[in-house]
């Protein structure tokens, strides 16, 4: 009974003096307090590995970052990697990660996204990497007779018609043949038994003038 009377007395006093004594609990909207001061993203391709880095000046209530890849000009994205946030900070920090990248197109797009503690994702930056169409040209001597033939191999990102040329040290064209370059690994064999001793330059060129060159030494 005393407790009821005390409550009524407080209510009457609040009504007279217009005080607001309603119970209140502090509301924390973490999504509003989630913030980031992003600087830039970098991506460097080396062989079949891409080295990613991005700078962040400030960060609050972040959870992790996601690296995504697109091969259709940004229409669809696939996850490449995840990097955990270092937590709240107000000094510049550089995030770094390297991932194996199986090249799927001449131009590939990568972006970095931030996910906060409420699982809300924000795209921070995007970058594209242009890959050379022709790569990894190799000259492989004949295993049984190096003076007879040499195998030439290379990789191509597209199918195209090509030309193989052999020049001597003076720049004179010695041999020329047509190639059908397929997407992926390519190889062909050239006869060198009729070549004089000396240095030669072997080139492979596709129909779009992309060219690879290797030095050939005939003993």
N, C-alpha and C. Protein backbone atom coordinates (compact mmCIF):
# COMPACT_ATOMS: atom_id res chain seq x y z
N UNK A 1 0.84 -1.20 0.00
CA UNK A 1 0.00 0.00 0.00
C UNK A 1 0.88 1.26 0.00
N UNK A 2 1.96 1.23 0.83
CA UNK A 2 2.86 2.38 0.87
C UNK A 2 3.51 2.63 -0.48
N UNK A 3 3.83 1.53 -1.20
CA UNK A 3 4.49 1.65 -2.52
C UNK A 3 3.55 2.30 -3.52
N UNK A 4 2.24 1.93 -3.45
CA UNK A 4 1.25 2.51 -4.36
C UNK A 4 1.09 4.00 -4.08
N UNK A 5 1.01 4.35 -2.79
CA UNK A 5 0.87 5.76 -2.43
C UNK A 5 2.08 6.58 -2.88
N UNK A 6 3.28 5.99 -2.77
CA UNK A 6 4.49 6.69 -3.20
C UNK A 6 4.47 6.94 -4.70
N UNK A 7 4.03 5.93 -5.47
CA UNK A 7 3.96 6.06 -6.92
C UNK A 7 2.97 7.15 -7.32
N UNK A 8 1.78 7.17 -6.63
CA UNK A 8 0.77 8.19 -6.94
C UNK A 8 1.29 9.59 -6.61
N UNK A 9 2.05 9.70 -5.53
CA UNK A 9 2.59 11.00 -5.15
C UNK A 9 3.58 11.51 -6.19
N UNK A 10 4.43 10.61 -6.69
CA UNK A 10 5.41 11.00 -7.71
C UNK A 10 4.70 11.40 -8.99
N UNK A 11 3.64 10.63 -9.37
CA UNK A 11 2.89 10.93 -10.59
C UNK A 11 2.23 12.31 -10.49
N UNK A 12 1.63 12.60 -9.30
CA UNK A 12 0.96 13.88 -9.11
C UNK A 12 1.97 15.02 -9.17
N UNK A 13 3.15 14.84 -8.59
CA UNK A 13 4.18 15.89 -8.61
C UNK A 13 4.67 16.15 -10.03
N UNK A 14 4.81 15.07 -10.80
CA UNK A 14 5.27 15.22 -12.18
C UNK A 14 4.23 15.93 -13.02
N UNK A 15 2.94 15.67 -12.74
CA UNK A 15 1.88 16.32 -13.50
C UNK A 15 1.84 17.81 -13.21
N UNK A 16 2.08 18.18 -11.94
CA UNK A 16 2.02 19.58 -11.56
C UNK A 16 3.15 20.38 -12.18
N UNK A 17 4.35 19.84 -12.12
CA UNK A 17 5.53 20.59 -12.56
C UNK A 17 5.95 20.27 -13.99
N UNK A 18 5.19 19.42 -14.64
CA UNK A 18 5.44 19.12 -16.05
C UNK A 18 6.71 18.35 -16.29
N UNK A 19 7.23 17.66 -15.33
CA UNK A 19 8.46 16.91 -15.52
C UNK A 19 8.19 15.65 -16.31
N UNK A 20 9.22 15.21 -17.08
CA UNK A 20 9.10 13.98 -17.87
C UNK A 20 9.97 12.93 -17.22
N UNK A 21 9.35 11.97 -16.57
CA UNK A 21 10.09 10.91 -15.88
C UNK A 21 9.83 9.55 -16.50
N UNK A 22 9.50 9.52 -17.78
CA UNK A 22 9.30 8.23 -18.44
C UNK A 22 10.62 7.49 -18.50
N UNK A 23 10.56 6.16 -18.41
CA UNK A 23 11.77 5.35 -18.44
C UNK A 23 12.37 5.36 -19.83
N UNK A 24 13.65 5.60 -19.91
CA UNK A 24 14.33 5.65 -21.20
C UNK A 24 15.58 4.79 -21.15
N UNK A 25 15.82 4.03 -22.26
CA UNK A 25 17.04 3.24 -22.41
C UNK A 25 17.82 3.79 -23.59
N UNK A 26 19.08 3.96 -23.45
CA UNK A 26 19.88 4.50 -24.57
C UNK A 26 19.83 3.57 -25.77
N UNK A 27 19.45 4.13 -26.94
CA UNK A 27 19.40 3.35 -28.18
C UNK A 27 20.68 3.61 -28.97
N UNK A 28 21.32 2.55 -29.39
CA UNK A 28 22.55 2.65 -30.18
C UNK A 28 22.28 2.08 -31.55
N UNK A 29 22.21 2.94 -32.52
CA UNK A 29 22.03 2.50 -33.91
C UNK A 29 23.41 2.35 -34.52
N UNK A 30 23.91 1.11 -34.49
CA UNK A 30 25.28 0.88 -34.94
C UNK A 30 25.46 1.19 -36.41
N UNK A 31 24.38 1.09 -37.20
CA UNK A 31 24.51 1.37 -38.62
C UNK A 31 24.79 2.85 -38.86
N UNK A 32 24.21 3.73 -37.99
CA UNK A 32 24.47 5.16 -38.12
C UNK A 32 25.89 5.50 -37.67
N UNK A 33 26.39 4.76 -36.71
CA UNK A 33 27.71 5.04 -36.19
C UNK A 33 28.80 4.33 -36.98
N UNK A 34 28.40 3.46 -37.90
CA UNK A 34 29.39 2.77 -38.73
C UNK A 34 29.89 3.74 -39.79
N UNK A 35 31.20 3.89 -39.88
CA UNK A 35 31.76 4.83 -40.84
C UNK A 35 33.15 4.38 -41.26
N UNK A 36 33.59 4.92 -42.40
CA UNK A 36 34.92 4.62 -42.90
C UNK A 36 35.39 5.78 -43.77
N UNK A 37 36.66 6.11 -43.63
CA UNK A 37 37.28 7.11 -44.49
C UNK A 37 38.27 6.37 -45.38
N UNK A 38 37.78 6.05 -46.58
CA UNK A 38 38.53 5.21 -47.51
C UNK A 38 39.38 6.08 -48.43
N UNK A 39 40.58 5.60 -48.78
CA UNK A 39 41.48 6.36 -49.63
C UNK A 39 41.48 5.81 -51.05
N UNK A 40 42.04 4.62 -51.25
CA UNK A 40 42.09 4.06 -52.60
C UNK A 40 42.43 2.58 -52.55
N UNK A 41 42.17 1.92 -53.68
CA UNK A 41 42.47 0.51 -53.86
C UNK A 41 43.49 0.36 -54.98
N UNK A 42 44.40 -0.61 -54.82
CA UNK A 42 45.37 -0.93 -55.85
C UNK A 42 45.35 -2.44 -56.09
N UNK A 43 45.60 -2.82 -57.34
CA UNK A 43 45.69 -4.24 -57.70
C UNK A 43 46.79 -4.40 -58.73
N UNK A 44 47.76 -5.24 -58.43
CA UNK A 44 48.90 -5.47 -59.32
C UNK A 44 48.94 -6.95 -59.68
N UNK A 45 48.93 -7.24 -60.98
CA UNK A 45 48.96 -8.62 -61.45
C UNK A 45 50.40 -9.04 -61.71
N UNK A 46 50.76 -10.22 -61.20
CA UNK A 46 52.08 -10.78 -61.42
C UNK A 46 51.92 -12.26 -61.72
N UNK A 47 52.10 -12.62 -63.01
CA UNK A 47 51.86 -14.00 -63.45
C UNK A 47 50.41 -14.35 -63.16
N UNK A 48 50.16 -15.36 -62.34
CA UNK A 48 48.79 -15.77 -62.02
C UNK A 48 48.40 -15.36 -60.60
N UNK A 49 49.05 -14.34 -60.08
CA UNK A 49 48.75 -13.84 -58.74
C UNK A 49 48.43 -12.35 -58.83
N UNK A 50 47.40 -11.92 -58.10
CA UNK A 50 47.06 -10.50 -58.02
C UNK A 50 47.30 -10.04 -56.59
N UNK A 51 48.05 -8.96 -56.45
CA UNK A 51 48.34 -8.38 -55.14
C UNK A 51 47.41 -7.19 -54.92
N UNK A 52 46.54 -7.30 -53.93
CA UNK A 52 45.57 -6.25 -53.61
C UNK A 52 46.04 -5.44 -52.40
N UNK A 53 45.74 -4.16 -52.41
CA UNK A 53 45.97 -3.32 -51.24
C UNK A 53 44.99 -2.15 -51.27
N UNK A 54 44.58 -1.71 -50.09
CA UNK A 54 43.71 -0.53 -50.00
C UNK A 54 43.99 0.19 -48.69
N UNK A 55 43.93 1.52 -48.77
CA UNK A 55 44.25 2.36 -47.62
C UNK A 55 42.97 2.89 -46.98
N UNK A 56 42.96 2.88 -45.66
CA UNK A 56 41.83 3.39 -44.88
C UNK A 56 42.37 4.36 -43.83
N UNK A 57 41.86 5.59 -43.83
CA UNK A 57 42.29 6.59 -42.86
C UNK A 57 41.62 6.39 -41.50
N UNK A 58 40.31 6.17 -41.52
CA UNK A 58 39.55 5.98 -40.29
C UNK A 58 38.53 4.87 -40.49
N UNK A 59 38.17 4.23 -39.40
CA UNK A 59 37.20 3.14 -39.49
C UNK A 59 36.48 2.99 -38.15
N UNK A 60 35.18 2.77 -38.22
CA UNK A 60 34.40 2.57 -37.01
C UNK A 60 33.31 1.54 -37.26
N UNK A 61 33.21 0.58 -36.36
CA UNK A 61 32.20 -0.48 -36.42
C UNK A 61 32.25 -1.28 -37.72
N UNK A 62 33.44 -1.50 -38.22
CA UNK A 62 33.59 -2.36 -39.39
C UNK A 62 33.83 -3.80 -38.96
N UNK A 63 33.42 -4.73 -39.81
CA UNK A 63 33.60 -6.15 -39.49
C UNK A 63 34.64 -6.80 -40.40
N UNK A 64 34.45 -6.67 -41.72
CA UNK A 64 35.40 -7.27 -42.65
C UNK A 64 35.28 -6.62 -44.02
N UNK A 65 36.21 -6.99 -44.89
CA UNK A 65 36.22 -6.53 -46.28
C UNK A 65 36.12 -7.73 -47.20
N UNK A 66 35.56 -7.50 -48.39
CA UNK A 66 35.43 -8.56 -49.39
C UNK A 66 36.01 -8.07 -50.71
N UNK A 67 36.83 -8.91 -51.34
CA UNK A 67 37.31 -8.65 -52.69
C UNK A 67 36.46 -9.47 -53.65
N UNK A 68 35.92 -8.82 -54.67
CA UNK A 68 35.07 -9.50 -55.66
C UNK A 68 35.63 -9.29 -57.06
N UNK A 69 35.26 -10.21 -57.96
CA UNK A 69 35.77 -10.19 -59.34
C UNK A 69 34.62 -10.28 -60.32
N UNK A 70 34.76 -9.57 -61.45
CA UNK A 70 33.77 -9.62 -62.52
C UNK A 70 34.50 -9.75 -63.86
N UNK A 71 33.93 -10.56 -64.74
CA UNK A 71 34.48 -10.69 -66.10
C UNK A 71 33.45 -10.27 -67.14
N UNK A 72 32.34 -9.68 -66.69
CA UNK A 72 31.30 -9.23 -67.62
C UNK A 72 30.99 -7.74 -67.40
N UNK A 73 32.05 -6.96 -67.24
CA UNK A 73 31.95 -5.50 -67.12
C UNK A 73 31.11 -5.07 -65.92
N UNK A 74 31.15 -5.85 -64.85
CA UNK A 74 30.48 -5.47 -63.62
C UNK A 74 29.03 -5.89 -63.51
N UNK A 75 28.56 -6.73 -64.44
CA UNK A 75 27.17 -7.20 -64.35
C UNK A 75 27.00 -8.17 -63.19
N UNK A 76 27.94 -9.08 -63.03
CA UNK A 76 27.89 -10.04 -61.93
C UNK A 76 29.26 -10.07 -61.25
N UNK A 77 29.23 -10.38 -59.96
CA UNK A 77 30.45 -10.40 -59.18
C UNK A 77 30.57 -11.70 -58.41
N UNK A 78 31.80 -12.20 -58.30
CA UNK A 78 32.07 -13.42 -57.55
C UNK A 78 33.11 -13.12 -56.47
N UNK A 79 32.91 -13.71 -55.31
CA UNK A 79 33.83 -13.43 -54.20
C UNK A 79 35.19 -14.07 -54.44
N UNK A 80 36.22 -13.29 -54.16
CA UNK A 80 37.60 -13.77 -54.31
C UNK A 80 38.23 -14.02 -52.95
N UNK A 81 38.04 -13.08 -52.03
CA UNK A 81 38.71 -13.20 -50.74
C UNK A 81 37.99 -12.36 -49.68
N UNK A 82 38.31 -12.66 -48.44
CA UNK A 82 37.76 -11.92 -47.29
C UNK A 82 38.91 -11.52 -46.37
N UNK A 83 38.87 -10.29 -45.89
CA UNK A 83 39.89 -9.77 -44.98
C UNK A 83 39.19 -9.16 -43.77
N UNK A 84 39.59 -9.57 -42.59
CA UNK A 84 38.97 -9.06 -41.37
C UNK A 84 39.41 -7.62 -41.09
N UNK A 85 38.50 -6.84 -40.55
CA UNK A 85 38.82 -5.46 -40.15
C UNK A 85 39.72 -5.47 -38.92
N UNK A 86 40.59 -4.48 -38.81
CA UNK A 86 41.46 -4.39 -37.63
C UNK A 86 40.73 -3.73 -36.47
N UNK A 87 39.50 -3.28 -36.71
CA UNK A 87 38.74 -2.62 -35.66
C UNK A 87 38.74 -1.10 -35.81
N UNK A 88 38.20 -0.42 -34.82
CA UNK A 88 38.12 1.04 -34.88
C UNK A 88 39.53 1.66 -34.84
N UNK A 89 39.76 2.66 -35.68
CA UNK A 89 41.05 3.35 -35.68
C UNK A 89 40.88 4.69 -36.38
N UNK A 90 41.79 5.60 -36.13
CA UNK A 90 41.78 6.91 -36.78
C UNK A 90 43.15 7.27 -37.35
N UNK A 91 43.95 6.26 -37.63
CA UNK A 91 45.22 6.44 -38.30
C UNK A 91 45.25 5.56 -39.54
N UNK A 92 45.94 6.01 -40.57
CA UNK A 92 45.93 5.29 -41.84
C UNK A 92 46.46 3.86 -41.67
N UNK A 93 45.72 2.92 -42.25
CA UNK A 93 46.12 1.52 -42.25
C UNK A 93 45.99 0.97 -43.67
N UNK A 94 46.95 0.18 -44.09
CA UNK A 94 46.92 -0.44 -45.41
C UNK A 94 46.62 -1.92 -45.28
N UNK A 95 45.51 -2.33 -45.85
CA UNK A 95 45.17 -3.75 -45.91
C UNK A 95 45.83 -4.36 -47.14
N UNK A 96 46.35 -5.57 -47.01
CA UNK A 96 47.01 -6.24 -48.13
C UNK A 96 46.63 -7.72 -48.17
N UNK A 97 46.49 -8.22 -49.38
CA UNK A 97 46.28 -9.65 -49.56
C UNK A 97 46.63 -10.02 -51.00
N UNK A 98 47.16 -11.21 -51.20
CA UNK A 98 47.50 -11.72 -52.53
C UNK A 98 46.72 -12.99 -52.78
N UNK A 99 46.17 -13.11 -53.99
CA UNK A 99 45.34 -14.26 -54.32
C UNK A 99 45.74 -14.81 -55.69
N UNK A 100 45.68 -16.13 -55.82
CA UNK A 100 45.87 -16.77 -57.12
C UNK A 100 44.68 -16.41 -58.00
N UNK A 101 44.97 -15.98 -59.21
CA UNK A 101 43.91 -15.56 -60.14
C UNK A 101 44.03 -16.33 -61.44
N UNK A 102 43.05 -17.17 -61.71
CA UNK A 102 42.99 -17.87 -62.99
C UNK A 102 42.37 -16.91 -64.00
N UNK A 103 43.19 -16.44 -64.93
CA UNK A 103 42.75 -15.41 -65.87
C UNK A 103 41.60 -15.94 -66.73
N UNK A 104 40.50 -15.19 -66.75
CA UNK A 104 39.30 -15.60 -67.48
C UNK A 104 38.93 -14.66 -68.62
N UNK A 105 39.67 -13.58 -68.78
CA UNK A 105 39.35 -12.64 -69.84
C UNK A 105 40.46 -11.63 -70.02
N UNK A 106 40.40 -10.91 -71.14
CA UNK A 106 41.42 -9.90 -71.42
C UNK A 106 41.36 -8.80 -70.36
N UNK A 107 40.15 -8.38 -69.99
CA UNK A 107 39.97 -7.37 -68.95
C UNK A 107 39.15 -7.97 -67.81
N UNK A 108 39.69 -7.89 -66.61
CA UNK A 108 38.99 -8.37 -65.42
C UNK A 108 38.81 -7.20 -64.45
N UNK A 109 37.69 -7.21 -63.75
CA UNK A 109 37.37 -6.13 -62.83
C UNK A 109 37.37 -6.67 -61.40
N UNK A 110 37.93 -5.89 -60.50
CA UNK A 110 37.95 -6.25 -59.08
C UNK A 110 37.43 -5.07 -58.27
N UNK A 111 36.74 -5.37 -57.19
CA UNK A 111 36.26 -4.31 -56.30
C UNK A 111 36.42 -4.75 -54.85
N UNK A 112 36.54 -3.75 -53.98
CA UNK A 112 36.62 -4.01 -52.55
C UNK A 112 35.35 -3.47 -51.90
N UNK A 113 34.74 -4.30 -51.06
CA UNK A 113 33.51 -3.93 -50.35
C UNK A 113 33.77 -4.02 -48.85
N UNK A 114 33.09 -3.17 -48.12
CA UNK A 114 33.19 -3.19 -46.67
C UNK A 114 31.88 -3.67 -46.08
N UNK A 115 31.97 -4.56 -45.10
CA UNK A 115 30.79 -5.06 -44.39
C UNK A 115 30.93 -4.62 -42.93
N UNK A 116 29.88 -3.93 -42.42
CA UNK A 116 29.96 -3.45 -41.04
C UNK A 116 29.39 -4.48 -40.08
N UNK A 117 29.31 -4.10 -38.80
CA UNK A 117 28.88 -5.05 -37.78
C UNK A 117 27.40 -5.39 -37.89
N UNK A 118 26.64 -4.62 -38.67
CA UNK A 118 25.23 -4.93 -38.93
C UNK A 118 25.06 -5.73 -40.22
N UNK A 119 26.19 -6.19 -40.78
CA UNK A 119 26.20 -6.98 -42.02
C UNK A 119 25.72 -6.18 -43.23
N UNK A 120 25.89 -4.87 -43.18
CA UNK A 120 25.55 -4.02 -44.33
C UNK A 120 26.80 -3.81 -45.17
N UNK A 121 26.66 -4.05 -46.48
CA UNK A 121 27.81 -3.99 -47.37
C UNK A 121 27.84 -2.67 -48.14
N UNK A 122 29.02 -2.14 -48.31
CA UNK A 122 29.24 -0.89 -49.03
C UNK A 122 30.40 -1.09 -50.01
N UNK A 123 30.16 -0.78 -51.29
CA UNK A 123 31.22 -0.86 -52.29
C UNK A 123 32.12 0.37 -52.14
N UNK A 124 33.40 0.14 -51.96
CA UNK A 124 34.34 1.23 -51.73
C UNK A 124 35.06 1.69 -53.00
N UNK A 125 35.51 0.74 -53.80
CA UNK A 125 36.28 1.11 -54.98
C UNK A 125 36.33 -0.08 -55.93
N UNK A 126 36.59 0.20 -57.20
CA UNK A 126 36.72 -0.85 -58.22
C UNK A 126 37.88 -0.50 -59.13
N UNK A 127 38.49 -1.54 -59.69
CA UNK A 127 39.65 -1.35 -60.56
C UNK A 127 39.66 -2.45 -61.60
N UNK A 128 40.22 -2.17 -62.76
CA UNK A 128 40.30 -3.19 -63.80
C UNK A 128 41.76 -3.53 -64.09
N UNK A 129 41.98 -4.78 -64.48
CA UNK A 129 43.30 -5.25 -64.87
C UNK A 129 43.22 -5.78 -66.29
N UNK A 130 44.06 -5.25 -67.17
CA UNK A 130 44.12 -5.70 -68.56
C UNK A 130 45.28 -6.68 -68.71
N UNK A 131 44.96 -7.86 -69.21
CA UNK A 131 45.96 -8.90 -69.37
C UNK A 131 46.43 -8.96 -70.82
N UNK A 132 47.71 -9.24 -71.07
CA UNK A 132 48.18 -9.42 -72.44
C UNK A 132 47.54 -10.65 -73.07
N UNK A 133 47.23 -10.55 -74.35
CA UNK A 133 46.56 -11.66 -75.03
C UNK A 133 47.50 -12.84 -75.23
N UNK A 134 48.72 -12.57 -75.62
CA UNK A 134 49.71 -13.63 -75.82
C UNK A 134 50.74 -13.59 -74.69
N UNK A 135 51.03 -14.75 -74.12
CA UNK A 135 52.00 -14.83 -73.02
C UNK A 135 52.74 -16.16 -73.06
N UNK A 136 53.78 -16.22 -72.22
CA UNK A 136 54.51 -17.47 -71.92
C UNK A 136 55.05 -18.19 -73.16
N UNK A 137 55.70 -17.45 -74.02
CA UNK A 137 56.33 -18.09 -75.18
C UNK A 137 57.60 -18.82 -74.73
N UNK A 138 57.75 -20.05 -75.18
CA UNK A 138 58.92 -20.86 -74.82
C UNK A 138 59.46 -21.58 -76.05
N UNK A 139 60.78 -21.78 -76.08
CA UNK A 139 61.44 -22.59 -77.10
C UNK A 139 61.97 -23.84 -76.41
N UNK A 140 61.50 -24.99 -76.87
CA UNK A 140 61.87 -26.26 -76.23
C UNK A 140 62.62 -27.11 -77.25
N UNK A 141 63.92 -27.33 -77.05
CA UNK A 141 64.70 -28.12 -78.01
C UNK A 141 64.18 -29.56 -78.12
N UNK A 142 64.40 -30.16 -79.27
CA UNK A 142 64.01 -31.55 -79.48
C UNK A 142 64.76 -32.42 -78.47
N UNK A 143 64.07 -33.28 -77.73
CA UNK A 143 64.73 -34.04 -76.65
C UNK A 143 65.82 -34.99 -77.14
N UNK A 144 65.72 -35.47 -78.37
CA UNK A 144 66.69 -36.45 -78.87
C UNK A 144 67.74 -35.83 -79.77
N UNK A 145 67.40 -34.73 -80.43
CA UNK A 145 68.35 -34.10 -81.34
C UNK A 145 68.07 -32.60 -81.39
N UNK A 146 68.84 -31.84 -80.62
CA UNK A 146 68.60 -30.40 -80.53
C UNK A 146 68.90 -29.69 -81.85
N UNK A 147 69.63 -30.35 -82.74
CA UNK A 147 69.96 -29.74 -84.03
C UNK A 147 68.90 -30.00 -85.09
N UNK A 148 67.90 -30.78 -84.74
CA UNK A 148 66.88 -31.17 -85.73
C UNK A 148 65.65 -30.27 -85.68
N UNK A 149 65.08 -30.11 -84.49
CA UNK A 149 63.82 -29.37 -84.38
C UNK A 149 63.70 -28.72 -83.01
N UNK A 150 62.83 -27.73 -82.95
CA UNK A 150 62.53 -27.03 -81.70
C UNK A 150 61.03 -26.83 -81.61
N UNK A 151 60.48 -27.08 -80.43
CA UNK A 151 59.06 -26.85 -80.19
C UNK A 151 58.86 -25.45 -79.62
N UNK A 152 57.90 -24.75 -80.19
CA UNK A 152 57.56 -23.40 -79.72
C UNK A 152 56.17 -23.44 -79.09
N UNK A 153 56.04 -22.91 -77.90
CA UNK A 153 54.74 -22.89 -77.22
C UNK A 153 54.42 -21.49 -76.73
N UNK A 154 53.12 -21.23 -76.56
CA UNK A 154 52.66 -19.96 -76.00
C UNK A 154 51.22 -20.13 -75.53
N UNK A 155 50.74 -19.15 -74.80
CA UNK A 155 49.35 -19.15 -74.34
C UNK A 155 48.62 -17.94 -74.91
N UNK A 156 47.35 -18.15 -75.25
CA UNK A 156 46.54 -17.07 -75.81
C UNK A 156 45.21 -16.99 -75.07
N UNK A 157 44.72 -15.77 -74.89
CA UNK A 157 43.42 -15.58 -74.24
C UNK A 157 42.25 -15.68 -75.22
N UNK A 158 42.56 -15.67 -76.52
CA UNK A 158 41.51 -15.73 -77.54
C UNK A 158 41.94 -16.66 -78.67
N UNK A 159 40.98 -17.03 -79.50
CA UNK A 159 41.27 -17.77 -80.73
C UNK A 159 41.52 -16.78 -81.86
N UNK A 160 42.55 -17.02 -82.64
CA UNK A 160 42.84 -16.12 -83.76
C UNK A 160 43.81 -16.78 -84.73
N UNK A 161 43.88 -16.21 -85.91
CA UNK A 161 44.90 -16.64 -86.87
C UNK A 161 46.22 -15.98 -86.50
N UNK A 162 47.30 -16.69 -86.76
CA UNK A 162 48.60 -16.14 -86.39
C UNK A 162 49.66 -16.44 -87.43
N UNK A 163 50.81 -15.84 -87.22
CA UNK A 163 51.95 -16.04 -88.11
C UNK A 163 53.20 -16.25 -87.26
N UNK A 164 53.99 -17.24 -87.63
CA UNK A 164 55.28 -17.48 -87.00
C UNK A 164 56.37 -17.06 -87.98
N UNK A 165 57.33 -16.28 -87.51
CA UNK A 165 58.42 -15.82 -88.38
C UNK A 165 59.76 -16.05 -87.69
N UNK A 166 60.76 -16.35 -88.51
CA UNK A 166 62.13 -16.50 -88.02
C UNK A 166 63.02 -15.53 -88.79
N UNK A 167 63.73 -14.69 -88.06
CA UNK A 167 64.65 -13.72 -88.66
C UNK A 167 66.08 -14.05 -88.25
N UNK A 168 67.02 -13.81 -89.16
CA UNK A 168 68.42 -13.99 -88.79
C UNK A 168 68.92 -12.75 -88.06
N UNK A 169 70.20 -12.76 -87.71
CA UNK A 169 70.76 -11.67 -86.92
C UNK A 169 70.73 -10.34 -87.65
N UNK A 170 70.70 -10.41 -88.99
CA UNK A 170 70.67 -9.19 -89.80
C UNK A 170 69.26 -8.66 -90.00
N UNK A 171 68.25 -9.38 -89.48
CA UNK A 171 66.87 -8.95 -89.63
C UNK A 171 66.19 -9.48 -90.87
N UNK A 172 66.86 -10.39 -91.59
CA UNK A 172 66.29 -10.97 -92.80
C UNK A 172 65.32 -12.09 -92.45
N UNK A 173 64.16 -12.12 -93.10
CA UNK A 173 63.16 -13.16 -92.86
C UNK A 173 63.63 -14.48 -93.46
N UNK A 174 63.75 -15.51 -92.61
CA UNK A 174 64.24 -16.81 -93.05
C UNK A 174 63.10 -17.80 -93.25
N UNK A 175 62.18 -17.83 -92.30
CA UNK A 175 61.03 -18.75 -92.39
C UNK A 175 59.76 -18.00 -92.00
N UNK A 176 58.64 -18.50 -92.55
CA UNK A 176 57.33 -17.92 -92.24
C UNK A 176 56.28 -19.00 -92.42
N UNK A 177 55.37 -19.09 -91.44
CA UNK A 177 54.29 -20.08 -91.53
C UNK A 177 53.06 -19.57 -90.80
N UNK A 178 51.90 -20.05 -91.24
CA UNK A 178 50.64 -19.66 -90.61
C UNK A 178 50.36 -20.52 -89.38
N UNK A 179 49.67 -19.91 -88.43
CA UNK A 179 49.28 -20.60 -87.20
C UNK A 179 47.79 -20.42 -86.95
N UNK A 180 47.19 -21.41 -86.32
CA UNK A 180 45.82 -21.29 -85.81
C UNK A 180 45.91 -21.28 -84.28
N UNK A 181 45.87 -20.10 -83.72
CA UNK A 181 46.01 -19.98 -82.28
C UNK A 181 44.68 -20.23 -81.59
N UNK A 182 44.67 -21.16 -80.67
CA UNK A 182 43.46 -21.47 -79.91
C UNK A 182 43.53 -20.79 -78.54
N UNK A 183 42.40 -20.71 -77.88
CA UNK A 183 42.37 -20.13 -76.54
C UNK A 183 43.01 -21.11 -75.57
N UNK A 184 44.03 -20.67 -74.89
CA UNK A 184 44.75 -21.54 -73.97
C UNK A 184 46.15 -21.84 -74.46
N UNK A 185 46.55 -23.09 -74.31
CA UNK A 185 47.92 -23.50 -74.63
C UNK A 185 48.05 -23.84 -76.10
N UNK A 186 49.14 -23.36 -76.72
CA UNK A 186 49.42 -23.63 -78.13
C UNK A 186 50.87 -24.10 -78.27
N UNK A 187 51.08 -24.98 -79.24
CA UNK A 187 52.44 -25.42 -79.50
C UNK A 187 52.58 -25.82 -80.96
N UNK A 188 53.78 -25.64 -81.49
CA UNK A 188 54.10 -26.07 -82.85
C UNK A 188 55.59 -26.39 -82.90
N UNK A 189 56.00 -27.04 -83.98
CA UNK A 189 57.40 -27.44 -84.11
C UNK A 189 58.01 -26.82 -85.36
N UNK A 190 59.24 -26.35 -85.24
CA UNK A 190 59.93 -25.79 -86.39
C UNK A 190 61.20 -26.59 -86.66
N UNK A 191 61.51 -26.76 -87.93
CA UNK A 191 62.73 -27.45 -88.33
C UNK A 191 63.89 -26.46 -88.31
N UNK A 192 64.97 -26.85 -87.66
CA UNK A 192 66.15 -25.97 -87.61
C UNK A 192 67.38 -26.64 -88.21
N UNK A 193 67.21 -27.85 -88.71
CA UNK A 193 68.37 -28.58 -89.23
C UNK A 193 68.99 -27.91 -90.44
N UNK A 194 68.20 -27.11 -91.16
CA UNK A 194 68.73 -26.43 -92.35
C UNK A 194 69.20 -25.00 -92.06
N UNK A 195 69.12 -24.60 -90.81
CA UNK A 195 69.57 -23.26 -90.44
C UNK A 195 71.07 -23.26 -90.14
N UNK A 196 71.73 -22.22 -90.57
CA UNK A 196 73.15 -22.08 -90.25
C UNK A 196 73.33 -21.77 -88.77
N UNK A 197 74.50 -22.06 -88.29
CA UNK A 197 74.79 -21.73 -86.90
C UNK A 197 74.70 -20.22 -86.69
N UNK A 198 74.21 -19.87 -85.53
CA UNK A 198 74.11 -18.45 -85.22
C UNK A 198 72.87 -18.12 -84.42
N UNK A 199 72.58 -16.84 -84.28
CA UNK A 199 71.44 -16.36 -83.51
C UNK A 199 70.29 -15.97 -84.44
N UNK A 200 69.08 -16.28 -83.99
CA UNK A 200 67.87 -15.97 -84.76
C UNK A 200 66.83 -15.37 -83.81
N UNK A 201 65.87 -14.72 -84.40
CA UNK A 201 64.76 -14.15 -83.64
C UNK A 201 63.46 -14.79 -84.13
N UNK A 202 62.75 -15.43 -83.21
CA UNK A 202 61.49 -16.11 -83.53
C UNK A 202 60.34 -15.27 -82.98
N UNK A 203 59.36 -14.96 -83.82
CA UNK A 203 58.20 -14.17 -83.39
C UNK A 203 56.90 -14.90 -83.69
N UNK A 204 55.94 -14.72 -82.79
CA UNK A 204 54.57 -15.19 -83.00
C UNK A 204 53.67 -13.96 -82.94
N UNK A 205 52.83 -13.80 -83.94
CA UNK A 205 51.94 -12.64 -84.00
C UNK A 205 50.53 -13.10 -84.32
N UNK A 206 49.54 -12.59 -83.55
CA UNK A 206 48.16 -12.94 -83.85
C UNK A 206 47.57 -11.94 -84.84
N UNK A 207 46.30 -12.12 -85.20
CA UNK A 207 45.69 -11.26 -86.22
C UNK A 207 45.44 -9.84 -85.74
N UNK A 208 45.63 -9.59 -84.44
CA UNK A 208 45.45 -8.24 -83.90
C UNK A 208 46.79 -7.57 -83.61
N UNK A 209 47.85 -8.14 -84.17
CA UNK A 209 49.22 -7.60 -84.07
C UNK A 209 49.84 -7.74 -82.69
N UNK A 210 49.26 -8.57 -81.82
CA UNK A 210 49.92 -8.89 -80.56
C UNK A 210 51.09 -9.83 -80.87
N UNK A 211 52.25 -9.52 -80.31
CA UNK A 211 53.46 -10.22 -80.72
C UNK A 211 54.29 -10.69 -79.53
N UNK A 212 54.86 -11.88 -79.69
CA UNK A 212 55.83 -12.42 -78.74
C UNK A 212 57.12 -12.71 -79.50
N UNK A 213 58.25 -12.53 -78.84
CA UNK A 213 59.54 -12.75 -79.49
C UNK A 213 60.48 -13.50 -78.55
N UNK A 214 61.21 -14.46 -79.13
CA UNK A 214 62.22 -15.19 -78.37
C UNK A 214 63.50 -15.33 -79.20
N UNK A 215 64.61 -15.41 -78.52
CA UNK A 215 65.91 -15.59 -79.16
C UNK A 215 66.19 -17.08 -79.33
N UNK A 216 66.61 -17.45 -80.52
CA UNK A 216 66.93 -18.84 -80.85
C UNK A 216 68.40 -18.92 -81.24
N UNK A 217 69.12 -19.83 -80.62
CA UNK A 217 70.54 -20.04 -80.94
C UNK A 217 70.70 -21.42 -81.55
N UNK A 218 71.25 -21.47 -82.74
CA UNK A 218 71.51 -22.74 -83.43
C UNK A 218 73.00 -23.02 -83.36
N UNK A 219 73.35 -24.18 -82.81
CA UNK A 219 74.76 -24.56 -82.65
C UNK A 219 75.22 -25.45 -83.80
